[in-house]
Protein backbone atom coordinates (compact mmCIF):
# COMPACT_ATOMS: atom_id res chain seq x y z
CA MET A 1 0.07 0.02 0.01
CA ILE A 2 1.35 3.62 -1.07
CA ARG A 3 2.42 5.08 2.23
CA ALA A 4 0.19 8.24 1.64
CA VAL A 5 -2.79 6.17 0.96
CA GLY A 6 -2.17 4.23 4.12
CA ARG A 7 -1.86 7.28 6.19
CA ALA A 8 -5.02 8.88 4.99
CA LEU A 9 -6.90 5.66 5.55
CA ALA A 10 -5.48 5.77 9.24
CA ILE A 11 -7.18 8.87 9.83
CA PHE A 12 -10.51 7.32 9.89
CA ASP A 13 -9.41 5.12 12.66
CA ALA A 14 -8.77 8.23 14.93
CA PHE A 15 -12.53 8.44 15.42
CA ASP A 16 -14.64 6.24 17.60
CA GLU A 17 -17.95 6.16 19.59
CA ALA A 18 -16.00 8.29 22.23
CA HIS A 19 -14.31 10.68 19.73
CA LEU A 20 -17.07 11.61 17.02
CA SER A 21 -15.28 14.78 16.38
CA LEU A 22 -11.59 15.94 16.89
CA SER A 23 -9.20 18.75 16.05
CA LEU A 24 -6.29 18.38 13.76
CA GLN A 25 -3.86 18.06 16.72
CA GLU A 26 -6.06 15.25 18.29
CA ILE A 27 -6.25 13.40 15.14
CA GLY A 28 -2.56 13.41 14.58
CA SER A 29 -1.94 12.54 18.35
CA ARG A 30 -4.16 9.57 18.36
CA ILE A 31 -2.68 7.77 15.42
CA ASN A 32 0.96 9.05 15.86
CA MET A 33 0.97 11.20 12.73
CA PRO A 34 3.15 14.16 12.21
CA LYS A 35 1.38 17.74 12.32
CA ALA A 36 2.11 18.65 8.85
CA THR A 37 1.11 15.45 7.36
CA THR A 38 -2.17 15.26 9.45
CA PHE A 39 -3.01 18.86 8.24
CA ARG A 40 -2.18 18.10 4.53
CA LEU A 41 -4.44 14.61 4.62
CA VAL A 42 -7.23 15.94 6.61
CA HIS A 43 -7.92 18.75 4.36
CA THR A 44 -7.52 16.32 1.31
CA LEU A 45 -10.25 14.09 2.87
CA GLU A 46 -12.34 17.32 3.48
CA ARG A 47 -12.35 18.42 -0.12
CA ALA A 48 -13.04 14.75 -0.99
CA GLY A 49 -16.23 14.88 0.98
CA PHE A 50 -15.20 12.22 3.60
CA LEU A 51 -14.71 14.53 6.60
CA VAL A 52 -16.48 17.71 7.80
CA ARG A 53 -15.25 20.70 9.32
CA LEU A 54 -17.33 22.00 12.31
CA ASP A 55 -17.85 25.38 13.53
CA ASN A 56 -15.53 24.75 16.40
CA GLN A 57 -12.71 23.70 13.88
CA GLN A 58 -13.07 20.17 14.79
CA TYR A 59 -13.65 17.49 12.27
CA CYS A 60 -16.00 14.60 11.90
CA LEU A 61 -16.85 11.84 9.31
CA SER A 62 -19.20 12.54 6.71
CA LEU A 63 -22.43 10.85 5.68
CA LYS A 64 -20.68 9.84 2.33
CA LEU A 65 -19.10 6.97 4.71
CA VAL A 66 -22.43 5.82 5.60
CA ARG A 67 -23.52 5.76 1.78
CA LEU A 68 -20.65 3.49 1.18
CA ALA A 69 -21.02 1.36 4.28
CA GLY A 70 -24.52 0.64 2.78
CA MET A 71 -23.15 -0.84 -0.14
CA VAL A 72 -20.97 -3.38 1.50
CA LYS A 73 -22.02 -6.85 0.47
CA GLY A 74 -24.29 -8.17 2.98
CA THR A 75 -23.34 -11.72 2.55
CA ILE A 76 -19.66 -11.34 2.99
CA GLY A 77 -18.62 -13.68 5.86
CA ILE A 78 -15.51 -14.42 7.91
CA ARG A 79 -14.39 -17.14 5.24
CA GLU A 80 -14.21 -14.57 2.68
CA ILE A 81 -12.45 -12.02 4.70
CA ALA A 82 -10.02 -14.41 6.22
CA ARG A 83 -9.07 -16.53 3.18
CA PRO A 84 -6.36 -14.51 1.41
CA VAL A 85 -4.50 -13.84 4.65
CA MET A 86 -4.80 -17.67 5.39
CA ILE A 87 -3.19 -18.46 1.87
CA GLU A 88 -0.35 -16.10 2.45
CA VAL A 89 0.38 -17.66 6.00
CA ALA A 90 0.18 -21.17 4.59
CA ARG A 91 2.66 -20.08 1.88
CA GLU A 92 5.17 -18.28 4.45
CA THR A 93 4.98 -21.00 7.07
CA GLY A 94 4.31 -24.16 5.04
CA GLU A 95 1.84 -25.45 7.55
CA THR A 96 -1.81 -25.90 7.94
CA VAL A 97 -3.78 -22.89 8.62
CA THR A 98 -7.44 -22.84 9.90
CA ILE A 99 -10.13 -20.40 10.74
CA ASN A 100 -12.28 -21.40 13.63
CA ALA A 101 -15.34 -19.95 15.33
CA LEU A 102 -16.94 -20.09 18.76
CA SER A 103 -19.82 -22.54 18.60
CA GLY A 104 -21.57 -23.04 22.07
CA HIS A 105 -19.09 -24.89 24.26
CA GLN A 106 -16.99 -25.79 21.40
CA ARG A 107 -14.98 -24.32 18.54
CA LEU A 108 -15.97 -25.01 14.96
CA CYS A 109 -13.53 -25.32 12.10
CA ILE A 110 -14.84 -22.99 9.19
CA ASP A 111 -12.13 -23.14 6.61
CA VAL A 112 -8.73 -24.83 6.03
CA ILE A 113 -5.69 -24.18 3.83
CA ASN A 114 -3.76 -27.50 4.11
CA THR A 115 0.10 -27.64 3.71
CA PRO A 116 1.45 -29.82 0.79
CA SER A 117 4.00 -31.39 3.06
CA PRO A 118 3.55 -35.01 3.64
CA LEU A 119 4.18 -34.44 7.25
CA MET A 120 0.87 -32.49 7.96
CA THR A 121 -2.25 -32.29 10.33
CA ILE A 122 -5.59 -32.80 8.88
CA VAL A 123 -8.36 -30.79 10.33
CA GLY A 124 -11.67 -30.68 8.25
CA PRO A 125 -14.24 -27.69 8.03
CA GLY A 126 -17.13 -28.53 10.01
CA GLU A 127 -15.05 -30.22 12.75
CA GLN A 128 -16.25 -29.43 16.31
CA LEU A 129 -13.79 -29.85 19.31
CA PRO A 130 -13.92 -28.86 22.92
CA LEU A 131 -12.60 -25.45 23.82
CA LEU A 132 -10.37 -26.72 26.74
CA HIS A 133 -7.76 -28.55 24.73
CA GLY A 134 -5.38 -27.35 21.95
CA ALA A 135 -4.50 -23.63 21.31
CA THR A 136 -7.20 -23.15 18.61
CA GLY A 137 -9.89 -23.37 21.44
CA LYS A 138 -7.83 -21.60 23.86
CA ALA A 139 -7.34 -18.57 21.80
CA LEU A 140 -11.17 -18.25 22.14
CA LEU A 141 -11.60 -19.67 25.65
CA ALA A 142 -9.23 -16.69 26.87
CA TYR A 143 -11.54 -13.91 26.18
CA ARG A 144 -14.79 -15.52 27.69
CA THR A 145 -15.93 -14.25 31.03
CA VAL A 146 -15.38 -16.23 34.35
CA ASP A 147 -18.92 -17.45 34.19
CA GLU A 148 -18.60 -18.53 30.58
CA ILE A 149 -15.43 -20.53 31.41
CA THR A 150 -17.15 -22.03 34.45
CA GLY A 151 -20.02 -23.22 32.04
CA ILE A 152 -17.81 -24.53 29.39
CA ILE A 153 -15.72 -26.53 32.13
CA ALA A 154 -18.99 -27.99 33.46
CA ALA A 155 -20.32 -28.89 30.04
CA THR A 156 -17.11 -30.46 28.63
CA PRO A 157 -16.61 -34.23 29.27
CA GLY A 158 -13.70 -34.47 31.66
CA GLY A 159 -13.96 -30.86 32.70
CA ASP A 160 -14.16 -31.89 36.31
CA GLU A 161 -10.44 -33.03 36.17
CA ILE A 162 -9.27 -29.41 34.93
CA ASP A 163 -7.21 -27.60 37.31
CA ARG A 164 -8.79 -24.37 37.39
CA ALA A 165 -5.95 -22.29 38.80
CA GLU A 166 -3.61 -23.65 36.10
CA LEU A 167 -6.03 -23.15 33.38
CA ASP A 168 -6.57 -19.48 34.47
CA ALA A 169 -2.84 -18.77 34.43
CA GLU A 170 -2.62 -20.28 31.08
CA LEU A 171 -5.43 -18.12 29.71
CA ALA A 172 -3.81 -15.18 31.23
CA GLU A 173 -0.78 -15.95 29.28
CA VAL A 174 -2.47 -16.10 26.16
CA ARG A 175 -4.02 -12.54 26.60
CA SER A 176 -0.51 -11.28 27.54
CA LEU A 177 1.41 -12.82 24.65
CA GLY A 178 -1.72 -12.39 22.27
CA TYR A 179 -1.34 -15.96 21.26
CA ALA A 180 -1.84 -19.63 22.32
CA LEU A 181 0.60 -22.17 21.96
CA THR A 182 0.17 -25.98 22.85
CA ARG A 183 2.38 -29.06 22.10
CA ARG A 184 1.06 -32.47 21.87
CA GLN A 185 -2.11 -31.37 23.85
CA ARG A 186 -4.87 -32.66 21.23
CA ASP A 187 -2.60 -34.69 18.92
CA PRO A 188 0.58 -36.48 19.57
CA GLY A 189 3.56 -34.97 17.86
CA VAL A 190 1.71 -31.64 16.98
CA THR A 191 2.27 -28.06 17.71
CA ALA A 192 -0.19 -25.31 17.29
CA ILE A 193 -0.28 -21.61 17.26
CA ALA A 194 -3.50 -19.84 17.59
CA VAL A 195 -4.48 -16.10 17.67
CA PRO A 196 -7.56 -14.54 18.56
CA LEU A 197 -9.72 -12.35 16.01
CA ARG A 198 -11.29 -9.14 16.97
CA ASP A 199 -14.62 -7.86 15.22
CA MET A 200 -16.03 -4.48 15.17
CA ARG A 201 -17.12 -4.69 18.66
CA GLU A 202 -13.69 -5.71 19.72
CA GLU A 203 -15.12 -9.21 20.71
CA VAL A 204 -13.39 -12.50 20.12
CA VAL A 205 -15.49 -15.14 18.62
CA HIS A 206 -13.04 -16.32 15.90
CA SER A 207 -9.48 -17.59 16.11
CA LEU A 208 -6.94 -18.42 13.43
CA ALA A 209 -4.72 -21.33 13.98
CA LEU A 210 -1.46 -22.84 12.51
CA THR A 211 -0.68 -26.56 13.10
CA GLY A 212 2.01 -28.72 12.19
CA PRO A 213 4.63 -31.32 13.21
CA SER A 214 6.44 -30.20 16.35
CA ILE A 215 9.62 -31.20 14.78
CA ARG A 216 9.08 -28.11 12.06
CA VAL A 217 6.88 -25.68 14.11
CA ASP A 218 8.93 -25.83 17.48
CA ARG A 219 12.19 -24.67 15.63
CA ASN A 220 10.28 -21.83 13.97
CA ARG A 221 8.11 -20.73 16.94
CA GLU A 222 9.05 -17.16 17.09
CA ARG A 223 8.92 -16.39 13.35
CA PHE A 224 5.62 -18.37 13.06
CA ALA A 225 4.08 -16.51 16.22
CA GLU A 226 4.98 -13.16 14.48
CA ILE A 227 3.52 -14.16 11.11
CA MET A 228 0.27 -15.20 13.04
CA LEU A 229 0.09 -11.95 15.19
CA ASP A 230 0.54 -9.87 11.91
CA ALA A 231 -2.39 -12.02 10.25
CA ALA A 232 -4.65 -11.42 13.15
CA ALA A 233 -4.38 -7.82 13.17
CA GLU A 234 -4.86 -7.76 9.26
CA ILE A 235 -7.94 -10.04 9.51
CA SER A 236 -9.26 -8.07 12.52
CA SER A 237 -8.91 -4.92 10.80
CA ARG A 238 -10.96 -6.24 7.92
CA LEU A 239 -13.49 -7.43 10.45
CA GLY A 240 -13.71 -3.80 11.52
CA SER A 241 -11.66 -3.87 14.69
CA MET A 242 -10.51 -0.28 15.51
CA GLU A 243 -7.84 -1.68 17.78
CA ALA A 244 -6.32 -3.78 15.15
CA SER A 245 -6.48 -1.05 12.61
CA ARG A 246 -4.49 1.19 14.63
CA SER A 247 -1.85 -1.34 15.08
CA LEU A 248 -1.45 -1.53 11.51
CA ALA A 249 -1.40 2.29 10.80
CA PRO A 250 1.95 3.41 9.13
């Protein structure tokens, strides 16, 4: 993306429900953009009709954006949004990549990009598995409320054997790192890295996961984790997450 275009688009992410109108200085500060650049791009967007300058010299988003939003294809879903990023992750890592959704007390596999490697893990669309086991589920579980986690444990076979303090510590680490990693937890010899995906409400109901033989994934853990975090930010931004969009701002 051309730098100027990226910066212009970043200006839209300065606005949210708590900041419906902003001064030039506030816009630049919220997206960490130099004053001169902010001035130039804000006035360009104003002339194009995407921003409106108010009497108090602050700016707000224009109704032109509402019209464009109304033209978004109503049937577009997480699979269509995530697939191009999934393909790129699979190309960079050579491992299987899946997109998953919260489904009651389980997680549901929505789409898969398989690795061509003969040493691979096989996960099929439509497969449902418990949230308590594996990185994929824990990337979702980490963002549930305390009461929701209690209910999930109670509804999962063998849940009464779970050490709650240990689980809570593991989920806290997921939130701190931004990703979940498990080795040989669900399948022998398999390592998985999963990242939460945020939507326009900043809620986590989907996760992106990479799985592969531990012999390959473990030696690439740090690089794969960075690739997955970048992918999560990209997909979340496309889902409407303001937090993710700001992290991608140039």
